[in-house]
Amino acid sequence: MTIQKVRSGTLESAVPRLSTVRLRVFTIMRYWSAALIFLMLGFIPSLRAEPVFQKIATTGRIITISAANRTMIVSGALPLRTGKMARRKRTSEVKNTDEYTVVATGDTVFQDGADAIKFEDFKSGETISIHGVLNGTTLTASRLAKWE
């Protein structure tokens, strides 16, 4: 059964026109709903993907050194601080839990005991103490010290 209506003396079907209008309204509602959800997600801090920078202090053994880049590949466990407690990094969060990159900046302090030293004084195989900020598997050092 179709609904007929009279318009300027001719009969035309109103059923297709109603379904087209409903489809357009439904499509507009879908887009507005999706836009609203994305907008709300942007304001919820726990759902935003923000980099996590964590201050840590750890030790490790130098595997390789790049004096040109002022970086080191270091082997050792990375403790993470959650509040006041430290815990090891889960294996699912890091490709190789035993190796990470240490980056020395212009502000990094280098020490051998109480003596100040230079980046070039570190050698492969040495054990070092590292204080800095961890982002993924990159540790930006604020202090590097020989540790014996």
C-alpha atoms as a PDB file:
ATOM      1  CA  MET A   1       0.000   0.000   0.000  1.00  0.00           C
ATOM      2  CA  THR A   2       1.489   3.342  -0.997  1.00  0.00           C
ATOM      3  CA  ILE A   3       0.492   6.763   0.152  1.00  0.00           C
ATOM      4  CA  GLN A   4      -0.574   9.035  -2.645  1.00  0.00           C
ATOM      5  CA  LYS A   5      -0.675  12.772  -2.464  1.00  0.00           C
ATOM      6  CA  VAL A   6      -1.848  15.386  -4.858  1.00  0.00           C
ATOM      7  CA  ARG A   7       0.583  18.059  -5.904  1.00  0.00           C
ATOM      8  CA  SER A   8      -0.298  20.583  -8.535  1.00  0.00           C
ATOM      9  CA  GLY A   9      -2.780  18.273 -10.152  1.00  0.00           C
ATOM     10  CA  THR A  10      -0.553  15.138 -10.416  1.00  0.00           C
ATOM     11  CA  LEU A  11      -0.235  12.104  -8.228  1.00  0.00           C
ATOM     12  CA  GLU A  12       3.189  11.159  -6.915  1.00  0.00           C
ATOM     13  CA  SER A  13       4.349   8.577  -4.424  1.00  0.00           C
ATOM     14  CA  ALA A  14       5.319   9.949  -0.988  1.00  0.00           C
ATOM     15  CA  VAL A  15       6.949   6.693   0.216  1.00  0.00           C
ATOM     16  CA  PRO A  16      10.320   7.146  -1.544  1.00  0.00           C
ATOM     17  CA  ARG A  17      10.521  10.759  -0.403  1.00  0.00           C
ATOM     18  CA  LEU A  18       9.939   9.812   3.270  1.00  0.00           C
ATOM     19  CA  SER A  19      12.570   7.053   3.254  1.00  0.00           C
ATOM     20  CA  THR A  20      15.130   9.389   1.632  1.00  0.00           C
ATOM     21  CA  VAL A  21      14.507  12.034   4.295  1.00  0.00           C
ATOM     22  CA  ARG A  22      14.809   9.465   7.074  1.00  0.00           C
ATOM     23  CA  LEU A  23      18.069   8.162   5.607  1.00  0.00           C
ATOM     24  CA  ARG A  24      19.525  11.675   5.437  1.00  0.00           C
ATOM     25  CA  VAL A  25      18.487  12.416   9.031  1.00  0.00           C
ATOM     26  CA  PHE A  26      19.966   9.108  10.188  1.00  0.00           C
ATOM     27  CA  THR A  27      23.251   9.808   8.352  1.00  0.00           C
ATOM     28  CA  ILE A  28      23.524  13.289   9.864  1.00  0.00           C
ATOM     29  CA  MET A  29      22.838  11.879  13.343  1.00  0.00           C
ATOM     30  CA  ARG A  30      25.572   9.258  12.854  1.00  0.00           C
ATOM     31  CA  TYR A  31      28.155  11.892  11.894  1.00  0.00           C
ATOM     32  CA  TRP A  32      27.199  14.157  14.792  1.00  0.00           C
ATOM     33  CA  SER A  33      27.392  11.225  17.229  1.00  0.00           C
ATOM     34  CA  ALA A  34      30.845  10.254  15.990  1.00  0.00           C
ATOM     35  CA  ALA A  35      32.056  13.863  16.176  1.00  0.00           C
ATOM     36  CA  LEU A  36      30.712  14.214  19.707  1.00  0.00           C
ATOM     37  CA  ILE A  37      32.445  11.015  20.849  1.00  0.00           C
ATOM     38  CA  PHE A  38      35.800  12.124  19.404  1.00  0.00           C
ATOM     39  CA  LEU A  39      35.387  15.526  21.020  1.00  0.00           C
ATOM     40  CA  MET A  40      34.650  13.970  24.412  1.00  0.00           C
ATOM     41  CA  LEU A  41      37.640  11.611  24.142  1.00  0.00           C
ATOM     42  CA  GLY A  42      39.889  14.607  23.593  1.00  0.00           C
ATOM     43  CA  PHE A  43      38.891  16.051  26.957  1.00  0.00           C
ATOM     44  CA  ILE A  44      39.382  12.861  28.987  1.00  0.00           C
ATOM     45  CA  PRO A  45      43.047  12.871  30.082  1.00  0.00           C
ATOM     46  CA  SER A  46      43.210   9.170  30.908  1.00  0.00           C
ATOM     47  CA  LEU A  47      42.205   8.238  27.338  1.00  0.00           C
ATOM     48  CA  ARG A  48      44.690  10.540  25.586  1.00  0.00           C
ATOM     49  CA  ALA A  49      47.955   8.988  24.461  1.00  0.00           C
ATOM     50  CA  GLU A  50      50.562  11.154  26.140  1.00  0.00           C
ATOM     51  CA  PRO A  51      54.231  10.276  26.472  1.00  0.00           C
ATOM     52  CA  VAL A  52      55.180   9.018  29.898  1.00  0.00           C
ATOM     53  CA  PHE A  53      58.436  10.461  31.199  1.00  0.00           C
ATOM     54  CA  GLN A  54      59.719   8.868  34.370  1.00  0.00           C
ATOM     55  CA  LYS A  55      62.669   9.910  36.491  1.00  0.00           C
ATOM     56  CA  ILE A  56      64.794   6.892  37.351  1.00  0.00           C
ATOM     57  CA  ALA A  57      68.116   5.938  38.916  1.00  0.00           C
ATOM     58  CA  THR A  58      69.653   2.637  37.831  1.00  0.00           C
ATOM     59  CA  THR A  59      72.890   0.864  37.015  1.00  0.00           C
ATOM     60  CA  GLY A  60      73.991  -0.970  33.908  1.00  0.00           C
ATOM     61  CA  ARG A  61      76.939  -2.282  31.933  1.00  0.00           C
ATOM     62  CA  ILE A  62      78.050  -0.343  28.842  1.00  0.00           C
ATOM     63  CA  ILE A  63      77.785  -2.472  25.679  1.00  0.00           C
ATOM     64  CA  THR A  64      78.670   0.128  23.013  1.00  0.00           C
ATOM     65  CA  ILE A  65      79.527   3.817  22.999  1.00  0.00           C
ATOM     66  CA  SER A  66      79.030   6.398  20.247  1.00  0.00           C
ATOM     67  CA  ALA A  67      81.153   9.437  21.095  1.00  0.00           C
ATOM     68  CA  ALA A  68      79.879  11.315  18.028  1.00  0.00           C
ATOM     69  CA  ASN A  69      76.225  10.976  19.118  1.00  0.00           C
ATOM     70  CA  ARG A  70      77.036  10.987  22.851  1.00  0.00           C
ATOM     71  CA  THR A  71      74.974   7.837  23.325  1.00  0.00           C
ATOM     72  CA  MET A  72      75.536   4.453  24.926  1.00  0.00           C
ATOM     73  CA  ILE A  73      73.792   1.120  24.657  1.00  0.00           C
ATOM     74  CA  VAL A  74      73.584  -0.188  28.203  1.00  0.00           C
ATOM     75  CA  SER A  75      72.577  -3.606  29.509  1.00  0.00           C
ATOM     76  CA  GLY A  76      70.684  -3.859  32.783  1.00  0.00           C
ATOM     77  CA  ALA A  77      67.222  -3.939  34.313  1.00  0.00           C
ATOM     78  CA  LEU A  78      65.215  -0.719  34.117  1.00  0.00           C
ATOM     79  CA  PRO A  79      63.349  -0.027  37.344  1.00  0.00           C
ATOM     80  CA  LEU A  80      60.254   2.119  37.048  1.00  0.00           C
ATOM     81  CA  ARG A  81      58.980   4.306  39.846  1.00  0.00           C
ATOM     82  CA  THR A  82      55.301   4.224  40.545  1.00  0.00           C
ATOM     83  CA  GLY A  83      54.748   6.666  43.336  1.00  0.00           C
ATOM     84  CA  LYS A  84      57.482   5.829  45.840  1.00  0.00           C
ATOM     85  CA  MET A  85      58.013   2.214  44.771  1.00  0.00           C
ATOM     86  CA  ALA A  86      60.321   0.939  42.006  1.00  0.00           C
ATOM     87  CA  ARG A  87      59.499  -2.066  39.856  1.00  0.00           C
ATOM     88  CA  ARG A  88      61.016  -3.760  36.815  1.00  0.00           C
ATOM     89  CA  LYS A  89      59.679  -2.938  33.374  1.00  0.00           C
ATOM     90  CA  ARG A  90      57.403  -5.625  31.929  1.00  0.00           C
ATOM     91  CA  THR A  91      58.733  -7.574  28.970  1.00  0.00           C
ATOM     92  CA  SER A  92      55.650  -6.706  26.915  1.00  0.00           C
ATOM     93  CA  GLU A  93      56.511  -2.992  27.143  1.00  0.00           C
ATOM     94  CA  VAL A  94      60.116  -3.227  25.875  1.00  0.00           C
ATOM     95  CA  LYS A  95      61.619  -5.065  22.900  1.00  0.00           C
ATOM     96  CA  ASN A  96      64.709  -6.178  24.851  1.00  0.00           C
ATOM     97  CA  THR A  97      64.383  -5.628  28.589  1.00  0.00           C
ATOM     98  CA  ASP A  98      68.126  -5.867  29.129  1.00  0.00           C
ATOM     99  CA  GLU A  99      69.232  -3.153  26.678  1.00  0.00           C
ATOM    100  CA  TYR A 100      68.407   0.516  26.471  1.00  0.00           C
ATOM    101  CA  THR A 101      69.917   3.684  25.014  1.00  0.00           C
ATOM    102  CA  VAL A 102      71.463   6.293  27.282  1.00  0.00           C
ATOM    103  CA  VAL A 103      71.682   9.804  25.807  1.00  0.00           C
ATOM    104  CA  ALA A 104      74.046  12.403  27.278  1.00  0.00           C
ATOM    105  CA  THR A 105      73.101  16.060  26.810  1.00  0.00           C
ATOM    106  CA  GLY A 106      75.048  19.263  27.400  1.00  0.00           C
ATOM    107  CA  ASP A 107      73.633  19.349  30.942  1.00  0.00           C
ATOM    108  CA  THR A 108      74.700  15.791  31.850  1.00  0.00           C
ATOM    109  CA  VAL A 109      77.157  15.574  34.772  1.00  0.00           C
ATOM    110  CA  PHE A 110      79.912  12.924  34.459  1.00  0.00           C
ATOM    111  CA  GLN A 111      81.601  11.597  37.592  1.00  0.00           C
ATOM    112  CA  ASP A 112      84.141   9.039  38.771  1.00  0.00           C
ATOM    113  CA  GLY A 113      83.551   9.071  42.498  1.00  0.00           C
ATOM    114  CA  ALA A 114      83.884  12.731  43.492  1.00  0.00           C
ATOM    115  CA  ASP A 115      86.002  13.589  40.418  1.00  0.00           C
ATOM    116  CA  ALA A 116      84.499  15.204  37.332  1.00  0.00           C
ATOM    117  CA  ILE A 117      85.245  13.336  34.095  1.00  0.00           C
ATOM    118  CA  LYS A 118      84.276  13.569  30.394  1.00  0.00           C
ATOM    119  CA  PHE A 119      82.020  11.399  28.235  1.00  0.00           C
ATOM    120  CA  GLU A 120      85.104  10.033  26.455  1.00  0.00           C
ATOM    121  CA  ASP A 121      86.396   8.559  29.769  1.00  0.00           C
ATOM    122  CA  PHE A 122      83.699   5.852  29.737  1.00  0.00           C
ATOM    123  CA  LYS A 123      84.641   2.505  28.152  1.00  0.00           C
ATOM    124  CA  SER A 124      82.669  -0.522  26.952  1.00  0.00           C
ATOM    125  CA  GLY A 125      82.269  -3.156  29.673  1.00  0.00           C
ATOM    126  CA  GLU A 126      82.204  -0.672  32.575  1.00  0.00           C
ATOM    127  CA  THR A 127      79.350  -0.591  35.045  1.00  0.00           C
ATOM    128  CA  ILE A 128      77.780   2.833  35.424  1.00  0.00           C
ATOM    129  CA  SER A 129      75.201   4.558  37.593  1.00  0.00           C
ATOM    130  CA  ILE A 130      72.620   6.530  35.632  1.00  0.00           C
ATOM    131  CA  HIS A 131      70.165   9.171  36.802  1.00  0.00           C
ATOM    132  CA  GLY A 132      67.783  10.597  34.257  1.00  0.00           C
ATOM    133  CA  VAL A 133      64.431  10.586  32.512  1.00  0.00           C
ATOM    134  CA  LEU A 134      63.132   7.450  30.788  1.00  0.00           C
ATOM    135  CA  ASN A 135      60.958   7.612  27.673  1.00  0.00           C
ATOM    136  CA  GLY A 136      60.374   4.130  26.246  1.00  0.00           C
ATOM    137  CA  THR A 137      63.823   2.546  25.966  1.00  0.00           C
ATOM    138  CA  THR A 138      65.673   5.869  25.798  1.00  0.00           C
ATOM    139  CA  LEU A 139      67.111   7.224  29.029  1.00  0.00           C
ATOM    140  CA  THR A 140      68.209  10.874  28.862  1.00  0.00           C
ATOM    141  CA  ALA A 141      70.888  11.140  31.543  1.00  0.00           C
ATOM    142  CA  SER A 142      71.195  14.017  33.966  1.00  0.00           C
ATOM    143  CA  ARG A 143      74.100  12.249  35.747  1.00  0.00           C
ATOM    144  CA  LEU A 144      76.414   9.412  34.671  1.00  0.00           C
ATOM    145  CA  ALA A 145      78.947   7.959  37.085  1.00  0.00           C
ATOM    146  CA  LYS A 146      81.418   5.088  37.020  1.00  0.00           C
ATOM    147  CA  TRP A 147      80.244   2.464  39.465  1.00  0.00           C
ATOM    148  CA  GLU A 148      82.648  -0.077  40.908  1.00  0.00           C
END
